[in-house]
Amino acid sequence: MYLNPNPSDFILISQHDHCEVKQNKENQHKSLFALASFKVGEAVATFDASKIVDTPNYLTVQISEQKHIHLFPEYLQYINHSCDPNVLFNTTTMQLECVKDIELGDELCFFYPATEWRMAQQFVCNCGRPNCVGLIQGAADTSDEVLKRYKLTDFIKSMATQYKSFLLLF
């Protein structure tokens, strides 16, 4: 996640209704940035599946135990991970939901374990946030203490309730 990104550090790749894809000039990393402000609970965009697969990969979002979707519209794939997310892929409503106020120019980011039970590739997070989790892996391998700090999809909540000692207070 880019903290207070300098616009001159990025090249515009594509522009969409309420967001734009930009590429970092230095590392070629692509990200999605807001072209409008959003408040918590608002829908930033709606999404659907361009393809459904039975195993996860780095481009999919999990919707059930054996279903992982490639996102449509495709530009939503450029929403990166952060341990301080501002959006959630709500797989019940199929809306990209604002979970933290977003200002014009903010990068859109989500917490990967909020949508993934088991991830195809774990990685070390470099988001730089004070609450950074460090090793990012699926919710199955993320502590209950960490998961309780985030809004999770209904699917991940049900899996955590079923397979972990996870007790969410709703």
N, C-alpha and C. Protein backbone atom coordinates (compact mmCIF):
# COMPACT_ATOMS: atom_id res chain seq x y z
N MET A 1 0.86 -1.18 0.00
CA MET A 1 0.00 0.00 0.00
C MET A 1 0.89 1.23 0.00
N TYR A 2 0.56 2.16 -0.86
CA TYR A 2 1.34 3.39 -0.95
C TYR A 2 0.75 4.41 0.01
N LEU A 3 1.57 4.83 0.97
CA LEU A 3 1.14 5.85 1.92
C LEU A 3 1.40 7.21 1.30
N ASN A 4 0.34 8.01 1.14
CA ASN A 4 0.44 9.33 0.53
C ASN A 4 1.28 9.28 -0.75
N PRO A 5 0.80 8.58 -1.75
CA PRO A 5 1.58 8.42 -2.98
C PRO A 5 1.83 9.74 -3.68
N ASN A 6 3.01 9.88 -4.23
CA ASN A 6 3.35 11.05 -5.02
C ASN A 6 2.91 10.77 -6.46
N PRO A 7 1.98 11.56 -6.99
CA PRO A 7 1.46 11.29 -8.33
C PRO A 7 2.55 11.18 -9.40
N SER A 8 3.65 11.88 -9.24
CA SER A 8 4.72 11.83 -10.25
C SER A 8 5.47 10.50 -10.23
N ASP A 9 5.23 9.65 -9.21
CA ASP A 9 5.88 8.34 -9.14
C ASP A 9 5.13 7.28 -9.93
N PHE A 10 3.98 7.64 -10.53
CA PHE A 10 3.11 6.67 -11.18
C PHE A 10 2.78 7.07 -12.61
N ILE A 11 2.50 6.05 -13.41
CA ILE A 11 2.02 6.22 -14.78
C ILE A 11 0.57 5.73 -14.80
N LEU A 12 -0.31 6.51 -15.39
CA LEU A 12 -1.72 6.10 -15.53
C LEU A 12 -1.82 4.99 -16.57
N ILE A 13 -2.44 3.86 -16.18
CA ILE A 13 -2.62 2.72 -17.08
C ILE A 13 -4.03 2.72 -17.66
N SER A 14 -5.04 2.90 -16.79
CA SER A 14 -6.43 2.93 -17.26
C SER A 14 -7.30 3.65 -16.25
N GLN A 15 -8.38 4.25 -16.75
CA GLN A 15 -9.31 4.97 -15.90
C GLN A 15 -10.69 4.33 -16.02
N HIS A 16 -11.39 4.26 -14.88
CA HIS A 16 -12.69 3.60 -14.81
C HIS A 16 -13.65 4.51 -14.05
N ASP A 17 -14.88 4.05 -13.79
CA ASP A 17 -15.90 4.90 -13.17
C ASP A 17 -15.40 5.66 -11.95
N HIS A 18 -14.95 4.95 -10.93
CA HIS A 18 -14.57 5.61 -9.68
C HIS A 18 -13.14 5.30 -9.26
N CYS A 19 -12.34 4.79 -10.20
CA CYS A 19 -10.97 4.44 -9.85
C CYS A 19 -10.08 4.39 -11.09
N GLU A 20 -8.78 4.32 -10.85
CA GLU A 20 -7.84 4.24 -11.95
C GLU A 20 -6.69 3.32 -11.58
N VAL A 21 -6.19 2.60 -12.58
CA VAL A 21 -5.03 1.73 -12.41
C VAL A 21 -3.79 2.56 -12.72
N LYS A 22 -2.83 2.52 -11.80
CA LYS A 22 -1.57 3.22 -12.01
C LYS A 22 -0.43 2.24 -11.79
N GLN A 23 0.67 2.52 -12.46
CA GLN A 23 1.86 1.68 -12.33
C GLN A 23 2.99 2.52 -11.75
N ASN A 24 3.64 1.97 -10.71
CA ASN A 24 4.77 2.63 -10.09
C ASN A 24 5.93 2.63 -11.08
N LYS A 25 6.50 3.79 -11.34
CA LYS A 25 7.59 3.92 -12.30
C LYS A 25 8.84 3.14 -11.87
N GLU A 26 9.08 3.08 -10.57
CA GLU A 26 10.30 2.45 -10.07
C GLU A 26 10.24 0.93 -10.09
N ASN A 27 9.15 0.34 -9.56
CA ASN A 27 9.11 -1.12 -9.43
C ASN A 27 8.11 -1.79 -10.37
N GLN A 28 7.41 -1.02 -11.19
CA GLN A 28 6.43 -1.52 -12.17
C GLN A 28 5.18 -2.13 -11.53
N HIS A 29 5.01 -1.99 -10.22
CA HIS A 29 3.88 -2.54 -9.48
C HIS A 29 2.61 -1.75 -9.83
N LYS A 30 1.52 -2.46 -10.13
CA LYS A 30 0.24 -1.81 -10.47
C LYS A 30 -0.67 -1.79 -9.25
N SER A 31 -1.43 -0.71 -9.13
CA SER A 31 -2.34 -0.52 -8.00
C SER A 31 -3.59 0.20 -8.49
N LEU A 32 -4.65 0.12 -7.69
CA LEU A 32 -5.91 0.78 -8.01
C LEU A 32 -6.12 1.94 -7.03
N PHE A 33 -6.42 3.11 -7.57
CA PHE A 33 -6.60 4.32 -6.77
C PHE A 33 -7.99 4.91 -6.96
N ALA A 34 -8.51 5.50 -5.89
CA ALA A 34 -9.86 6.07 -5.90
C ALA A 34 -9.91 7.40 -6.65
N LEU A 35 -10.96 7.56 -7.45
CA LEU A 35 -11.22 8.83 -8.14
C LEU A 35 -12.36 9.59 -7.47
N ALA A 36 -12.81 9.08 -6.32
CA ALA A 36 -13.89 9.70 -5.56
C ALA A 36 -13.70 9.32 -4.10
N SER A 37 -14.43 9.98 -3.24
CA SER A 37 -14.40 9.65 -1.82
C SER A 37 -15.54 8.68 -1.52
N PHE A 38 -15.33 7.81 -0.54
CA PHE A 38 -16.34 6.85 -0.11
C PHE A 38 -16.35 6.79 1.40
N LYS A 39 -17.52 6.55 1.96
CA LYS A 39 -17.69 6.39 3.40
C LYS A 39 -17.88 4.92 3.75
N VAL A 40 -17.55 4.57 4.98
CA VAL A 40 -17.71 3.19 5.45
C VAL A 40 -19.11 2.69 5.14
N GLY A 41 -19.19 1.49 4.59
CA GLY A 41 -20.47 0.87 4.26
C GLY A 41 -20.92 1.09 2.83
N GLU A 42 -20.37 2.08 2.15
CA GLU A 42 -20.76 2.35 0.77
C GLU A 42 -20.16 1.31 -0.17
N ALA A 43 -20.85 1.08 -1.27
CA ALA A 43 -20.33 0.21 -2.32
C ALA A 43 -19.44 1.04 -3.24
N VAL A 44 -18.21 0.60 -3.38
CA VAL A 44 -17.26 1.27 -4.28
C VAL A 44 -17.51 0.80 -5.71
N ALA A 45 -17.84 -0.48 -5.85
CA ALA A 45 -18.10 -1.07 -7.16
C ALA A 45 -18.84 -2.39 -6.95
N THR A 46 -19.46 -2.88 -7.99
CA THR A 46 -20.00 -4.23 -7.97
C THR A 46 -19.04 -5.10 -8.78
N PHE A 47 -19.04 -6.39 -8.48
CA PHE A 47 -18.16 -7.29 -9.21
C PHE A 47 -18.88 -8.61 -9.45
N ASP A 48 -18.29 -9.38 -10.31
CA ASP A 48 -18.81 -10.70 -10.65
C ASP A 48 -17.62 -11.58 -10.99
N ALA A 49 -17.91 -12.78 -11.45
CA ALA A 49 -16.87 -13.72 -11.83
C ALA A 49 -16.72 -13.72 -13.35
N SER A 50 -15.50 -13.54 -13.83
CA SER A 50 -15.25 -13.73 -15.25
C SER A 50 -14.94 -15.20 -15.51
N LYS A 51 -14.52 -15.88 -14.43
CA LYS A 51 -14.18 -17.30 -14.51
C LYS A 51 -14.23 -17.86 -13.09
N ILE A 52 -14.67 -19.12 -12.95
CA ILE A 52 -14.69 -19.79 -11.65
C ILE A 52 -13.75 -20.98 -11.74
N VAL A 53 -12.86 -21.09 -10.75
CA VAL A 53 -11.91 -22.21 -10.69
C VAL A 53 -12.03 -22.90 -9.34
N ASP A 54 -11.50 -24.12 -9.24
CA ASP A 54 -11.64 -24.86 -7.98
C ASP A 54 -10.42 -24.77 -7.07
N THR A 55 -9.36 -24.15 -7.53
CA THR A 55 -8.19 -23.93 -6.68
C THR A 55 -7.78 -22.47 -6.74
N PRO A 56 -7.28 -21.94 -5.63
CA PRO A 56 -6.92 -20.53 -5.60
C PRO A 56 -5.65 -20.26 -6.40
N ASN A 57 -5.54 -19.03 -6.87
CA ASN A 57 -4.28 -18.52 -7.39
C ASN A 57 -4.18 -17.06 -6.98
N TYR A 58 -3.11 -16.41 -7.33
CA TYR A 58 -2.88 -15.05 -6.83
C TYR A 58 -3.88 -14.02 -7.36
N LEU A 59 -4.69 -14.38 -8.33
CA LEU A 59 -5.67 -13.45 -8.88
C LEU A 59 -7.11 -13.74 -8.46
N THR A 60 -7.34 -14.78 -7.67
CA THR A 60 -8.71 -15.16 -7.35
C THR A 60 -9.17 -14.65 -5.99
N VAL A 61 -10.49 -14.61 -5.85
CA VAL A 61 -11.15 -14.32 -4.58
C VAL A 61 -12.03 -15.52 -4.28
N GLN A 62 -11.96 -16.03 -3.06
CA GLN A 62 -12.69 -17.24 -2.70
C GLN A 62 -14.13 -16.92 -2.34
N ILE A 63 -15.07 -17.73 -2.91
CA ILE A 63 -16.49 -17.52 -2.61
C ILE A 63 -17.12 -18.71 -1.92
N SER A 64 -16.46 -19.88 -1.96
CA SER A 64 -16.92 -21.07 -1.23
C SER A 64 -15.73 -22.02 -1.12
N GLU A 65 -15.94 -23.17 -0.48
CA GLU A 65 -14.82 -24.08 -0.26
C GLU A 65 -14.12 -24.48 -1.56
N GLN A 66 -14.87 -24.68 -2.61
CA GLN A 66 -14.27 -25.13 -3.88
C GLN A 66 -14.44 -24.13 -5.03
N LYS A 67 -14.84 -22.91 -4.72
CA LYS A 67 -15.02 -21.92 -5.78
C LYS A 67 -14.20 -20.66 -5.50
N HIS A 68 -13.41 -20.32 -6.50
CA HIS A 68 -12.57 -19.13 -6.46
C HIS A 68 -12.83 -18.40 -7.77
N ILE A 69 -13.04 -17.11 -7.70
CA ILE A 69 -13.40 -16.37 -8.91
C ILE A 69 -12.28 -15.45 -9.38
N HIS A 70 -12.20 -15.35 -10.69
CA HIS A 70 -11.41 -14.29 -11.32
C HIS A 70 -12.37 -13.12 -11.42
N LEU A 71 -11.92 -11.95 -11.06
CA LEU A 71 -12.80 -10.79 -10.94
C LEU A 71 -13.18 -10.18 -12.28
N PHE A 72 -14.43 -9.75 -12.32
CA PHE A 72 -14.94 -8.93 -13.40
C PHE A 72 -15.67 -7.76 -12.77
N PRO A 73 -15.33 -6.53 -13.07
CA PRO A 73 -14.37 -6.10 -14.07
C PRO A 73 -12.92 -6.43 -13.67
N GLU A 74 -12.14 -6.71 -14.70
CA GLU A 74 -10.77 -7.21 -14.52
C GLU A 74 -9.86 -6.23 -13.76
N TYR A 75 -10.09 -4.92 -13.89
CA TYR A 75 -9.21 -3.96 -13.23
C TYR A 75 -9.22 -4.09 -11.70
N LEU A 76 -10.25 -4.75 -11.15
CA LEU A 76 -10.29 -4.93 -9.69
C LEU A 76 -9.18 -5.84 -9.19
N GLN A 77 -8.55 -6.60 -10.09
CA GLN A 77 -7.43 -7.46 -9.69
C GLN A 77 -6.24 -6.64 -9.19
N TYR A 78 -6.22 -5.34 -9.43
CA TYR A 78 -5.11 -4.50 -9.00
C TYR A 78 -5.30 -3.93 -7.60
N ILE A 79 -6.32 -4.41 -6.90
CA ILE A 79 -6.49 -4.03 -5.50
C ILE A 79 -5.53 -4.91 -4.70
N ASN A 80 -4.57 -4.29 -4.07
CA ASN A 80 -3.51 -5.01 -3.37
C ASN A 80 -3.83 -5.23 -1.90
N HIS A 81 -2.99 -5.99 -1.26
CA HIS A 81 -3.13 -6.29 0.16
C HIS A 81 -2.65 -5.12 1.02
N SER A 82 -3.27 -4.98 2.18
CA SER A 82 -2.77 -4.12 3.26
C SER A 82 -3.30 -4.66 4.58
N CYS A 83 -2.51 -4.51 5.61
CA CYS A 83 -2.95 -4.87 6.97
C CYS A 83 -3.81 -3.76 7.55
N ASP A 84 -4.01 -2.67 6.80
CA ASP A 84 -4.90 -1.58 7.17
C ASP A 84 -5.81 -1.31 5.97
N PRO A 85 -6.71 -2.27 5.68
CA PRO A 85 -7.50 -2.20 4.44
C PRO A 85 -8.57 -1.12 4.47
N ASN A 86 -8.97 -0.69 3.26
CA ASN A 86 -10.09 0.26 3.17
C ASN A 86 -11.26 -0.33 2.39
N VAL A 87 -11.10 -1.53 1.81
CA VAL A 87 -12.20 -2.19 1.11
C VAL A 87 -12.22 -3.69 1.43
N LEU A 88 -13.36 -4.31 1.16
CA LEU A 88 -13.56 -5.75 1.30
C LEU A 88 -14.34 -6.23 0.09
N PHE A 89 -13.92 -7.33 -0.50
CA PHE A 89 -14.71 -7.98 -1.53
C PHE A 89 -15.82 -8.74 -0.82
N ASN A 90 -16.99 -8.13 -0.70
CA ASN A 90 -18.11 -8.77 -0.02
C ASN A 90 -18.72 -9.77 -0.98
N THR A 91 -18.40 -11.04 -0.77
CA THR A 91 -18.82 -12.09 -1.70
C THR A 91 -20.27 -12.53 -1.50
N THR A 92 -20.94 -11.98 -0.50
CA THR A 92 -22.38 -12.23 -0.33
C THR A 92 -23.17 -11.27 -1.21
N THR A 93 -22.80 -10.00 -1.19
CA THR A 93 -23.49 -8.98 -1.98
C THR A 93 -22.85 -8.75 -3.34
N MET A 94 -21.64 -9.29 -3.52
CA MET A 94 -20.84 -9.08 -4.74
C MET A 94 -20.60 -7.59 -4.97
N GLN A 95 -20.29 -6.91 -3.87
CA GLN A 95 -19.93 -5.50 -3.92
C GLN A 95 -18.57 -5.31 -3.27
N LEU A 96 -17.80 -4.40 -3.82
CA LEU A 96 -16.57 -3.96 -3.19
C LEU A 96 -17.00 -2.94 -2.14
N GLU A 97 -16.90 -3.32 -0.89
CA GLU A 97 -17.45 -2.54 0.21
C GLU A 97 -16.38 -1.70 0.89
N CYS A 98 -16.68 -0.45 1.13
CA CYS A 98 -15.77 0.45 1.83
C CYS A 98 -15.80 0.11 3.33
N VAL A 99 -14.65 -0.24 3.91
CA VAL A 99 -14.58 -0.59 5.34
C VAL A 99 -13.82 0.46 6.15
N LYS A 100 -13.29 1.45 5.48
CA LYS A 100 -12.59 2.58 6.11
C LYS A 100 -12.75 3.74 5.14
N ASP A 101 -13.05 4.93 5.65
CA ASP A 101 -13.26 6.07 4.76
C ASP A 101 -12.11 6.19 3.75
N ILE A 102 -12.49 6.47 2.51
CA ILE A 102 -11.56 6.58 1.40
C ILE A 102 -11.65 8.00 0.85
N GLU A 103 -10.51 8.60 0.61
CA GLU A 103 -10.44 9.94 0.03
C GLU A 103 -9.97 9.83 -1.43
N LEU A 104 -10.27 10.83 -2.20
CA LEU A 104 -9.80 10.91 -3.58
C LEU A 104 -8.29 10.70 -3.61
N GLY A 105 -7.82 9.78 -4.43
CA GLY A 105 -6.39 9.53 -4.56
C GLY A 105 -5.85 8.41 -3.70
N ASP A 106 -6.66 7.91 -2.74
CA ASP A 106 -6.20 6.80 -1.89
C ASP A 106 -6.09 5.52 -2.70
N GLU A 107 -5.10 4.70 -2.36
CA GLU A 107 -5.01 3.38 -2.95
C GLU A 107 -6.06 2.49 -2.32
N LEU A 108 -6.74 1.66 -3.12
CA LEU A 108 -7.70 0.70 -2.61
C LEU A 108 -6.96 -0.58 -2.24
N CYS A 109 -7.16 -1.05 -1.01
CA CYS A 109 -6.46 -2.23 -0.51
C CYS A 109 -7.40 -3.07 0.34
N PHE A 110 -7.18 -4.40 0.33
CA PHE A 110 -7.97 -5.28 1.18
C PHE A 110 -7.05 -6.24 1.92
N PHE A 111 -7.55 -6.83 2.97
CA PHE A 111 -6.81 -7.78 3.80
C PHE A 111 -7.07 -9.16 3.21
N TYR A 112 -6.06 -9.76 2.57
CA TYR A 112 -6.25 -11.01 1.85
C TYR A 112 -6.92 -12.12 2.67
N PRO A 113 -6.51 -12.36 3.93
CA PRO A 113 -7.17 -13.43 4.69
C PRO A 113 -8.66 -13.18 4.95
N ALA A 114 -9.15 -11.98 4.70
CA ALA A 114 -10.58 -11.69 4.87
C ALA A 114 -11.42 -12.39 3.81
N THR A 115 -10.78 -12.83 2.72
CA THR A 115 -11.50 -13.51 1.64
C THR A 115 -10.94 -14.89 1.31
N GLU A 116 -9.80 -15.24 1.86
CA GLU A 116 -9.13 -16.48 1.47
C GLU A 116 -8.94 -17.41 2.66
N TRP A 117 -9.47 -18.63 2.58
CA TRP A 117 -9.29 -19.62 3.64
C TRP A 117 -7.87 -20.18 3.57
N ARG A 118 -7.45 -20.62 2.42
CA ARG A 118 -6.08 -21.07 2.18
C ARG A 118 -5.59 -20.36 0.92
N MET A 119 -4.43 -19.77 1.01
CA MET A 119 -3.90 -19.02 -0.13
C MET A 119 -2.94 -19.87 -0.94
N ALA A 120 -2.89 -19.59 -2.23
CA ALA A 120 -1.97 -20.30 -3.12
C ALA A 120 -0.53 -19.95 -2.79
N GLN A 121 -0.29 -18.69 -2.41
CA GLN A 121 1.06 -18.23 -2.13
C GLN A 121 1.05 -17.32 -0.90
N GLN A 122 1.71 -17.73 0.16
CA GLN A 122 1.87 -16.83 1.29
C GLN A 122 3.00 -15.87 0.97
N PHE A 123 3.05 -14.75 1.67
CA PHE A 123 4.11 -13.76 1.42
C PHE A 123 4.32 -12.92 2.67
N VAL A 124 5.46 -12.26 2.73
CA VAL A 124 5.75 -11.35 3.83
C VAL A 124 5.25 -9.98 3.42
N CYS A 125 4.38 -9.42 4.23
CA CYS A 125 3.79 -8.11 3.95
C CYS A 125 4.82 -7.01 4.21
N ASN A 126 4.76 -6.00 3.37
CA ASN A 126 5.62 -4.82 3.53
C ASN A 126 4.77 -3.55 3.53
N CYS A 127 3.55 -3.65 4.09
CA CYS A 127 2.64 -2.49 4.03
C CYS A 127 3.13 -1.33 4.89
N GLY A 128 3.95 -1.62 5.89
CA GLY A 128 4.50 -0.54 6.71
C GLY A 128 3.55 0.00 7.76
N ARG A 129 2.40 -0.58 7.91
CA ARG A 129 1.43 -0.12 8.91
C ARG A 129 1.82 -0.60 10.29
N PRO A 130 1.46 0.15 11.34
CA PRO A 130 1.81 -0.27 12.71
C PRO A 130 1.25 -1.64 13.09
N ASN A 131 0.10 -2.00 12.53
CA ASN A 131 -0.53 -3.28 12.86
C ASN A 131 -0.20 -4.37 11.83
N CYS A 132 0.90 -4.22 11.09
CA CYS A 132 1.26 -5.17 10.04
C CYS A 132 1.37 -6.57 10.62
N VAL A 133 0.72 -7.52 9.96
CA VAL A 133 0.67 -8.91 10.40
C VAL A 133 1.99 -9.64 10.12
N GLY A 134 2.73 -9.19 9.13
CA GLY A 134 3.98 -9.86 8.77
C GLY A 134 3.74 -10.90 7.70
N LEU A 135 3.65 -12.17 8.09
CA LEU A 135 3.42 -13.24 7.13
C LEU A 135 1.92 -13.31 6.79
N ILE A 136 1.62 -13.14 5.52
CA ILE A 136 0.23 -13.17 5.07
C ILE A 136 -0.04 -14.54 4.48
N GLN A 137 -1.05 -15.19 5.05
CA GLN A 137 -1.49 -16.51 4.60
C GLN A 137 -3.00 -16.56 4.76
N GLY A 138 -3.61 -17.61 4.35
CA GLY A 138 -5.06 -17.69 4.44
C GLY A 138 -5.57 -17.62 5.87
N ALA A 139 -6.88 -17.38 6.00
CA ALA A 139 -7.50 -17.28 7.32
C ALA A 139 -7.32 -18.55 8.15
N ALA A 140 -7.24 -19.71 7.49
CA ALA A 140 -7.04 -20.97 8.20
C ALA A 140 -5.76 -20.97 9.00
N ASP A 141 -4.76 -20.24 8.52
CA ASP A 141 -3.45 -20.21 9.16
C ASP A 141 -3.15 -18.88 9.85
N THR A 142 -4.17 -18.03 9.97
CA THR A 142 -4.03 -16.74 10.64
C THR A 142 -4.68 -16.85 12.01
N SER A 143 -4.04 -16.29 13.01
CA SER A 143 -4.56 -16.43 14.38
C SER A 143 -5.94 -15.78 14.53
N ASP A 144 -6.72 -16.34 15.44
CA ASP A 144 -8.03 -15.77 15.75
C ASP A 144 -7.89 -14.32 16.20
N GLU A 145 -6.85 -14.06 16.98
CA GLU A 145 -6.61 -12.70 17.49
C GLU A 145 -6.48 -11.71 16.34
N VAL A 146 -5.75 -12.07 15.31
CA VAL A 146 -5.58 -11.20 14.15
C VAL A 146 -6.89 -11.10 13.37
N LEU A 147 -7.55 -12.22 13.09
CA LEU A 147 -8.78 -12.21 12.30
C LEU A 147 -9.86 -11.33 12.94
N LYS A 148 -9.92 -11.30 14.25
CA LYS A 148 -10.96 -10.52 14.93
C LYS A 148 -10.82 -9.01 14.71
N ARG A 149 -9.67 -8.58 14.22
CA ARG A 149 -9.44 -7.15 13.96
C ARG A 149 -10.03 -6.69 12.63
N TYR A 150 -10.50 -7.64 11.81
CA TYR A 150 -10.90 -7.32 10.45
C TYR A 150 -12.34 -7.72 10.16
N LYS A 151 -12.93 -7.02 9.19
CA LYS A 151 -14.21 -7.45 8.65
C LYS A 151 -13.89 -8.57 7.66
N LEU A 152 -14.58 -9.69 7.81
CA LEU A 152 -14.36 -10.87 6.98
C LEU A 152 -15.58 -11.16 6.14
N THR A 153 -15.40 -11.89 5.05
CA THR A 153 -16.56 -12.30 4.26
C THR A 153 -17.38 -13.30 5.07
N ASP A 154 -18.63 -13.44 4.73
CA ASP A 154 -19.49 -14.41 5.41
C ASP A 154 -18.91 -15.82 5.28
N PHE A 155 -18.35 -16.15 4.12
CA PHE A 155 -17.76 -17.46 3.91
C PHE A 155 -16.60 -17.69 4.88
N ILE A 156 -15.70 -16.74 5.00
CA ILE A 156 -14.55 -16.89 5.90
C ILE A 156 -15.02 -16.97 7.35
N LYS A 157 -16.01 -16.17 7.73
CA LYS A 157 -16.55 -16.26 9.10
C LYS A 157 -17.11 -17.64 9.37
N SER A 158 -17.82 -18.21 8.40
CA SER A 158 -18.40 -19.54 8.62
C SER A 158 -17.31 -20.61 8.72
N MET A 159 -16.28 -20.50 7.92
CA MET A 159 -15.17 -21.46 7.97
C MET A 159 -14.42 -21.33 9.31
N ALA A 160 -14.20 -20.12 9.75
CA ALA A 160 -13.48 -19.90 11.00
C ALA A 160 -14.29 -20.43 12.18
N THR A 161 -15.59 -20.24 12.14
CA THR A 161 -16.46 -20.75 13.20
C THR A 161 -16.46 -22.28 13.20
N GLN A 162 -16.44 -22.87 12.03
CA GLN A 162 -16.49 -24.32 11.89
C GLN A 162 -15.16 -25.01 12.23
N TYR A 163 -14.04 -24.42 11.82
CA TYR A 163 -12.76 -25.12 11.91
C TYR A 163 -11.76 -24.56 12.91
N LYS A 164 -12.08 -23.45 13.51
CA LYS A 164 -11.14 -22.85 14.46
C LYS A 164 -11.87 -22.61 15.78
N SER A 165 -11.13 -22.16 16.77
CA SER A 165 -11.75 -21.82 18.05
C SER A 165 -12.23 -20.38 17.99
N PHE A 166 -12.64 -19.98 16.82
CA PHE A 166 -12.98 -18.60 16.51
C PHE A 166 -14.40 -18.29 16.98
N LEU A 167 -14.55 -17.36 17.87
CA LEU A 167 -15.87 -16.95 18.34
C LEU A 167 -16.03 -15.47 18.06
N LEU A 168 -16.75 -15.14 17.03
CA LEU A 168 -17.00 -13.75 16.71
C LEU A 168 -18.23 -13.27 17.45
N LEU A 169 -18.16 -12.08 17.95
CA LEU A 169 -19.33 -11.45 18.56
C LEU A 169 -19.92 -10.51 17.53
N PHE A 170 -21.07 -10.89 17.01
CA PHE A 170 -21.71 -10.08 15.97
C PHE A 170 -22.76 -9.20 16.59
